[in-house]
Each structure stands twice: as structure tokens, then as C-alpha cells.
């Protein structure tokens, strides 16, 4: 997802992992932080709309360079609010 592909910068994608993938990538998962950029291989489970997340089942991922500033629990609907790098907290 490109942050400015929507008029409002709300989260729009949920990634799920099987127990096997969770175990296979345990070290990588433990080293992730909120806002980290990742590359992933996933299958679409369901497409969302304005009120629902897109859902993808993940089969592999890799942490890559970069991160996004995320204010936790500040959005009116309870989801994370993502700010572009040139914005303050």
C-alpha cells in the first residue's frame, strides 16, 4: 500500500500468518516494530472497502529498510493513524 493512495491515511490491509509460518519466521517477527517496512508474499483472502480491511494470508516476509511514524490508538475508529514522514506526531 502506498500511504497516499487513499484520501485518508487509514490502515487498509490485514496480513495473517499460519502457525507454521509464525514458527518459521519467529525470530523475524520478534524483531519487528510498529511502522517497520516489510516485503511479503501473500494470497488475497478478501478485498475490503471503505469500512473493511483487505485481508491477505502471508506465506513469507522480509524486513526492509525504512519505517513509518505510527501514532497508536489515536484514530477516531480505534485503528492506528499513519503519518507521512514530513508530518510531526
Foldseek 3Di string as FASTA:
>chain_A
DPQVPDVFRFAAEDEAEDPVQCVVCVVVVVPDDAFFDKDFDWAFPAHDDPVHHGYTYTDDMDTDDDGWDWDQQPDPVRGIGTDHPVDDD
